[in-house]
Protein backbone atom coordinates (compact mmCIF):
# COMPACT_ATOMS: atom_id res chain seq x y z
CA MET A 1 0.00 0.00 0.00
CA ASN A 2 1.53 3.28 -1.14
CA LEU A 3 0.16 5.74 1.41
CA ILE A 4 2.65 8.52 0.85
CA GLY A 5 2.27 8.26 -2.93
CA GLU A 6 -1.51 8.51 -2.72
CA TYR A 7 -1.23 11.54 -0.47
CA LEU A 8 1.30 13.34 -2.66
CA ARG A 9 -0.69 12.68 -5.81
CA ALA A 10 -3.90 13.98 -4.24
CA ARG A 11 -2.24 17.15 -2.95
CA ARG A 12 -0.33 17.74 -6.19
CA GLU A 13 -3.55 17.65 -8.19
CA LEU A 14 -5.04 20.41 -6.02
CA ILE A 15 -2.30 22.96 -6.79
CA ARG A 16 -2.95 25.30 -9.73
CA PRO A 17 0.24 26.13 -11.69
CA GLU A 18 -0.45 29.86 -11.51
CA ASP A 19 -0.56 29.65 -7.70
CA VAL A 20 3.13 28.72 -7.65
CA GLY A 21 4.27 31.04 -10.42
CA LEU A 22 4.11 28.59 -13.33
CA LEU A 23 2.50 29.30 -16.69
CA ASP A 24 -0.59 27.37 -17.71
CA ASN A 25 -0.88 27.14 -21.49
CA GLY A 26 -4.29 25.50 -21.26
CA HIS A 27 -3.12 22.19 -22.74
CA ARG A 28 -2.35 20.28 -19.58
CA ARG A 29 -3.22 16.57 -19.53
CA VAL A 30 -3.32 16.28 -15.73
CA PRO A 31 -5.05 18.37 -13.06
CA GLY A 32 -2.79 20.47 -10.89
CA LEU A 33 0.99 20.19 -11.10
CA ARG A 34 2.96 17.65 -13.09
CA ARG A 35 5.52 15.53 -11.27
CA ASP A 36 8.44 17.32 -12.91
CA GLU A 37 7.02 20.69 -11.88
CA LEU A 38 6.63 19.67 -8.27
CA ALA A 39 10.12 18.15 -8.25
CA MET A 40 11.55 21.40 -9.60
CA LEU A 41 9.75 23.45 -6.95
CA ALA A 42 11.01 21.10 -4.22
CA GLY A 43 14.58 21.13 -5.53
CA ILE A 44 14.78 17.39 -6.09
CA SER A 45 15.13 15.30 -9.23
CA THR A 46 12.06 14.26 -11.17
CA GLU A 47 13.33 10.67 -11.11
CA TYR A 48 13.52 10.64 -7.31
CA TYR A 49 10.12 12.28 -6.86
CA THR A 50 8.59 9.76 -9.28
CA ARG A 51 10.07 6.87 -7.29
CA LEU A 52 8.62 8.37 -4.13
CA GLU A 53 5.14 8.88 -5.54
CA GLN A 54 5.12 5.40 -7.11
CA GLY A 55 6.08 3.80 -3.80
CA ARG A 56 9.55 2.68 -4.86
CA ASP A 57 11.16 4.79 -2.14
CA ARG A 58 9.40 4.38 1.21
CA ARG A 59 11.90 6.16 3.49
CA PRO A 60 12.36 9.77 2.34
CA SER A 61 14.43 11.99 4.59
CA PRO A 62 12.74 14.66 6.73
CA GLN A 63 14.55 17.30 4.66
CA VAL A 64 13.02 15.98 1.43
CA LEU A 65 9.57 15.86 2.99
CA ASP A 66 9.92 19.43 4.21
CA ALA A 67 10.95 20.56 0.72
CA ILE A 68 7.96 18.82 -0.84
CA ALA A 69 5.64 20.26 1.81
CA ARG A 70 6.85 23.77 0.98
CA ALA A 71 6.35 23.14 -2.74
CA LEU A 72 2.80 21.96 -2.05
CA SER A 73 2.12 24.90 0.30
CA LEU A 74 1.12 22.49 3.06
CA ASP A 75 0.25 23.99 6.42
CA GLU A 76 1.76 22.75 9.68
CA ASP A 77 -0.85 20.03 10.24
CA ALA A 78 -0.64 18.70 6.68
CA THR A 79 3.16 18.70 6.87
CA ALA A 80 3.03 16.69 10.10
CA HIS A 81 0.72 14.20 8.39
CA LEU A 82 3.16 13.87 5.47
CA HIS A 83 6.00 13.13 7.89
CA ALA A 84 3.84 10.52 9.67
CA LEU A 85 3.22 8.75 6.38
CA GLY A 86 6.90 8.94 5.47
CA ALA A 87 7.89 7.32 8.77
CA ALA A 88 5.14 4.70 8.73
CA GLU A 89 6.04 1.30 10.10
CA ALA A 90 4.06 -1.92 9.93
CA PRO A 91 0.38 -1.29 10.76
CA ARG A 92 -0.47 -1.77 14.41
CA ARG A 93 -3.26 -4.06 15.52
CA ARG A 94 -5.79 -1.84 17.26
CA ARG A 95 -7.13 -2.93 20.59
CA PRO A 96 -10.87 -2.80 21.25
CA GLU A 97 -11.94 0.67 22.35
CA ARG A 98 -12.52 0.91 26.08
CA ILE A 99 -12.81 3.77 28.50
CA ARG A 100 -11.10 3.88 31.86
CA PRO A 101 -13.35 2.80 34.77
CA GLY A 102 -13.39 6.27 36.31
CA VAL A 103 -14.48 8.13 33.17
CA GLN A 104 -18.20 7.32 33.16
CA PRO A 105 -18.75 8.30 36.83
CA LEU A 106 -16.96 11.57 36.10
CA LEU A 107 -19.27 12.29 33.16
CA ASP A 108 -22.32 11.38 35.20
CA ALA A 109 -21.33 13.83 37.94
CA TRP A 110 -21.62 16.75 35.49
CA HIS A 111 -25.39 17.22 35.66
CA ASN A 112 -25.39 20.63 33.96
CA THR A 113 -22.60 20.01 31.43
CA PRO A 114 -23.01 17.87 28.28
CA ALA A 115 -19.90 15.73 27.88
CA TYR A 116 -18.85 12.61 26.01
CA VAL A 117 -15.76 10.62 25.03
CA GLN A 118 -15.04 9.69 21.42
CA GLY A 119 -12.50 7.29 19.94
CA PRO A 120 -10.11 7.87 17.02
CA LEU A 121 -12.74 6.79 14.46
CA GLN A 122 -15.25 9.22 16.02
CA ASP A 123 -17.25 6.49 17.74
CA VAL A 124 -18.93 7.73 20.93
CA LEU A 125 -17.58 5.57 23.73
CA ALA A 126 -19.25 7.18 26.75
CA ALA A 127 -21.58 10.10 27.43
CA ASN A 128 -23.61 11.63 30.23
CA ARG A 129 -27.38 12.05 30.25
CA LEU A 130 -27.34 15.71 29.21
CA ALA A 131 -25.17 14.99 26.17
CA VAL A 132 -27.62 12.34 24.96
CA ALA A 133 -30.53 14.69 25.64
CA LEU A 134 -28.75 17.34 23.58
CA SER A 135 -28.65 14.95 20.61
CA PRO A 136 -28.77 11.17 20.06
CA ILE A 137 -25.67 11.71 17.92
CA PHE A 138 -23.83 11.56 21.26
CA THR A 139 -25.33 8.22 22.30
CA PRO A 140 -22.60 5.65 23.09
CA GLY A 141 -22.28 3.28 20.14
CA SER A 142 -23.04 5.86 17.47
CA ASN A 143 -20.46 7.25 15.07
CA ILE A 144 -20.48 11.03 14.76
CA LEU A 145 -19.21 11.22 11.18
CA ARG A 146 -21.68 8.59 9.98
CA SER A 147 -24.58 10.31 11.73
CA VAL A 148 -23.78 13.76 10.35
CA LEU A 149 -23.36 12.46 6.81
CA LEU A 150 -26.31 10.09 6.59
CA ASP A 151 -29.03 11.14 9.03
CA PRO A 152 -31.29 14.02 7.87
CA ALA A 153 -32.51 14.56 11.44
CA VAL A 154 -28.95 15.12 12.64
CA GLN A 155 -28.36 17.51 9.73
CA GLU A 156 -31.37 19.53 10.90
CA PHE A 157 -29.81 19.63 14.36
CA LEU A 158 -26.52 21.02 12.98
CA PRO A 159 -26.93 24.12 10.78
CA GLY A 160 -24.08 24.29 8.27
CA TRP A 161 -23.39 20.60 8.74
CA GLN A 162 -21.50 20.37 5.43
CA ASN A 163 -18.73 22.57 6.84
CA ARG A 164 -18.63 20.38 9.93
CA VAL A 165 -18.14 17.29 7.76
CA SER A 166 -15.01 18.74 6.14
CA SER A 167 -13.45 19.15 9.57
CA LEU A 168 -14.50 15.67 10.70
CA VAL A 169 -13.06 13.96 7.60
CA ALA A 170 -9.75 15.84 7.86
CA ALA A 171 -9.53 14.93 11.56
CA LEU A 172 -10.18 11.26 10.77
CA ARG A 173 -7.19 11.29 8.39
CA VAL A 174 -4.95 12.61 11.14
CA MET A 175 -6.19 10.23 13.81
CA VAL A 176 -5.66 7.07 11.75
CA GLY A 177 -2.42 8.27 10.11
CA PRO A 178 -0.78 5.39 8.26
CA ASP A 179 -2.87 2.75 10.03
CA VAL A 180 -5.44 2.47 7.24
CA ASP A 181 -5.69 -1.34 7.43
CA ASP A 182 -7.79 -1.20 10.60
CA PRO A 183 -10.89 -3.25 9.68
CA ARG A 184 -13.14 -0.78 11.48
CA LEU A 185 -11.78 2.10 9.43
CA THR A 186 -12.12 0.08 6.21
CA ASP A 187 -15.70 -0.69 7.13
CA LEU A 188 -16.54 2.94 7.91
CA VAL A 189 -14.85 4.39 4.83
CA GLY A 190 -16.41 1.72 2.62
CA GLU A 191 -19.91 2.41 3.89
CA LEU A 192 -19.62 6.18 3.65
CA SER A 193 -18.03 6.00 0.19
CA VAL A 194 -21.00 3.99 -1.05
CA LYS A 195 -23.64 6.19 0.56
CA SER A 196 -22.23 9.74 0.38
CA ASP A 197 -20.89 11.66 -2.62
CA LEU A 198 -19.71 14.38 -0.24
CA PHE A 199 -17.62 11.93 1.76
CA ARG A 200 -16.04 10.45 -1.38
CA ARG A 201 -15.00 13.92 -2.55
CA LEU A 202 -13.56 14.94 0.79
CA TRP A 203 -11.76 11.63 1.46
CA SER A 204 -10.09 11.73 -1.98
CA ARG A 205 -8.57 15.14 -1.17
CA HIS A 206 -6.46 13.63 1.65
CA ASP A 207 -6.96 16.77 3.77
CA ALA A 208 -5.44 16.20 7.22
CA LYS A 209 -6.09 18.52 10.15
CA PRO A 210 -6.47 17.59 13.84
CA HIS A 211 -9.65 18.19 15.76
CA PRO A 212 -9.78 21.81 16.93
CA GLY A 213 -9.17 22.06 20.67
CA GLY A 214 -12.21 24.25 21.15
CA GLY A 215 -14.70 26.51 19.48
CA LEU A 216 -18.37 27.35 19.13
CA HIS A 217 -21.09 25.04 17.84
CA ARG A 218 -24.54 26.23 16.83
CA MET A 219 -27.30 23.67 17.24
CA ARG A 220 -31.04 23.58 16.63
CA HIS A 221 -32.75 21.37 19.21
CA PRO A 222 -36.33 20.25 18.45
CA ILE A 223 -37.51 20.98 22.01
CA VAL A 224 -35.43 23.83 23.47
CA GLY A 225 -34.65 25.61 20.20
CA ASP A 226 -31.42 27.20 19.00
CA LEU A 227 -28.28 26.93 21.12
CA GLU A 228 -24.82 28.42 20.95
CA LEU A 229 -22.46 26.19 22.93
CA HIS A 230 -18.74 26.48 23.43
CA TYR A 231 -16.82 23.23 23.39
CA GLU A 232 -13.41 22.06 24.57
CA LYS A 233 -11.65 18.83 23.64
CA PHE A 234 -9.09 17.10 25.86
CA ALA A 235 -6.92 14.06 25.13
CA VAL A 236 -7.62 11.16 27.49
CA THR A 237 -4.24 10.06 28.82
CA GLY A 238 -3.41 6.40 28.45
CA ALA A 239 -5.98 5.93 25.67
CA THR A 240 -4.57 6.61 22.22
CA GLY A 241 -6.85 8.81 20.16
CA GLN A 242 -9.61 9.21 22.76
CA LEU A 243 -10.96 12.72 23.29
CA LEU A 244 -13.12 14.11 26.08
CA VAL A 245 -15.53 16.67 24.60
CA VAL A 246 -17.24 19.12 26.96
CA TYR A 247 -19.93 21.68 26.04
CA HIS A 248 -20.81 24.78 28.02
CA ALA A 249 -22.92 27.89 27.55
CA GLU A 250 -22.24 31.48 28.48
CA PRO A 251 -23.61 32.04 32.02
CA GLY A 252 -26.98 33.80 31.96
CA SER A 253 -27.40 33.33 28.21
CA PRO A 254 -30.51 31.89 26.51
CA SER A 255 -28.42 28.82 25.69
CA ALA A 256 -27.62 28.33 29.38
CA ASP A 257 -31.34 28.53 30.18
CA ALA A 258 -32.04 26.04 27.39
CA LEU A 259 -29.50 23.58 28.82
CA THR A 260 -31.10 23.89 32.25
CA LEU A 261 -34.51 23.17 30.74
CA LEU A 262 -33.12 20.25 28.78
CA GLY A 263 -31.60 18.74 31.91
CA SER A 264 -34.95 18.97 33.73
CA LEU A 265 -36.89 17.05 31.09
CA PRO A 266 -37.73 13.38 31.67
CA GLU A 267 -35.26 11.09 29.94
CA GLU A 268 -37.99 9.48 27.83
CA SER A 269 -38.90 12.87 26.31
CA ALA A 270 -35.52 13.29 24.65
CA PRO A 271 -35.86 13.19 20.84
CA ARG A 272 -34.45 10.13 19.16
CA PRO A 273 -34.10 10.72 15.43
CA PRO A 274 -33.92 7.61 13.27
CA GLY A 275 -30.55 6.44 12.11
CA THR A 276 -28.47 7.25 15.19
CA ALA A 277 -28.64 3.85 16.86
CA ASP A 278 -25.59 1.68 17.42
CA ARG A 279 -24.32 0.48 14.04
CA THR A 280 -21.29 -1.49 15.04
CA ALA A 281 -22.37 -4.73 13.34
CA PRO A 282 -20.01 -5.95 10.60
CA ARG A 283 -20.77 -4.76 7.06
CA THR A 284 -20.14 -6.51 3.82
CA HIS A 285 -19.66 -3.58 1.43
CA ALA A 286 -16.48 -2.11 2.85
CA GLY A 287 -14.25 -0.34 0.35
CA PRO A 288 -10.55 0.54 0.48
CA ALA A 289 -9.57 2.96 3.24
CA ARG A 290 -7.22 5.05 1.18
């Protein structure tokens, strides 16, 4: 599997010649830059770059990768991803996702704060009652990326959900890195590639950017209405790729009042849109996770 070659080809095809000072005579047979053009910009030979992209050189030096990253105008996150692919070793066998015993009681103690833990493939591993009341997308066993892409009810809950998907797909690339042989990843990518044109487009770009550490999410809840919630994400130590996600509202704001109301509602009154149930059963239409 030629991970670094696939990544370089995808990024090369996104660069317009005029963006890097090259002339475009309108008769180009390939999108973006040609291999010889990128090699020239990186200051390496076309022959060497071709070997690298074709997978005949799997151990490029950090200096070469930095030169190629500059030629491709990669940002810091994308450059780090390129280095991870260039240093890839044999794929690791992933252990089953588990949360530490003390995590769930901690979440449950936050009665006024929606919080959940997600794994590297964006599966929800644990959540408190208020998070599930906020949206069934946060129900343990669901996959956030799958829900946002495929469930119309979740899309109604998240205004501008298409922009959210771009961030989720780029974060998935970073979290899995070179470990694309994980059967769970293959299953997820295969399913979403079959069912979502948007996912196929985004996955083929090979964008790689970590989850933002915090920000603001706007949500439209069917019972308590519109909310503006700040979120923070924290790495769970001792659990590779697990993130603790915590939401909070500005004190005294309408969103804070809405969260209080949501927490007072009976559990059975929480909306449960179709399509957000646990979907961890094996699938038979998995495609390549590349």
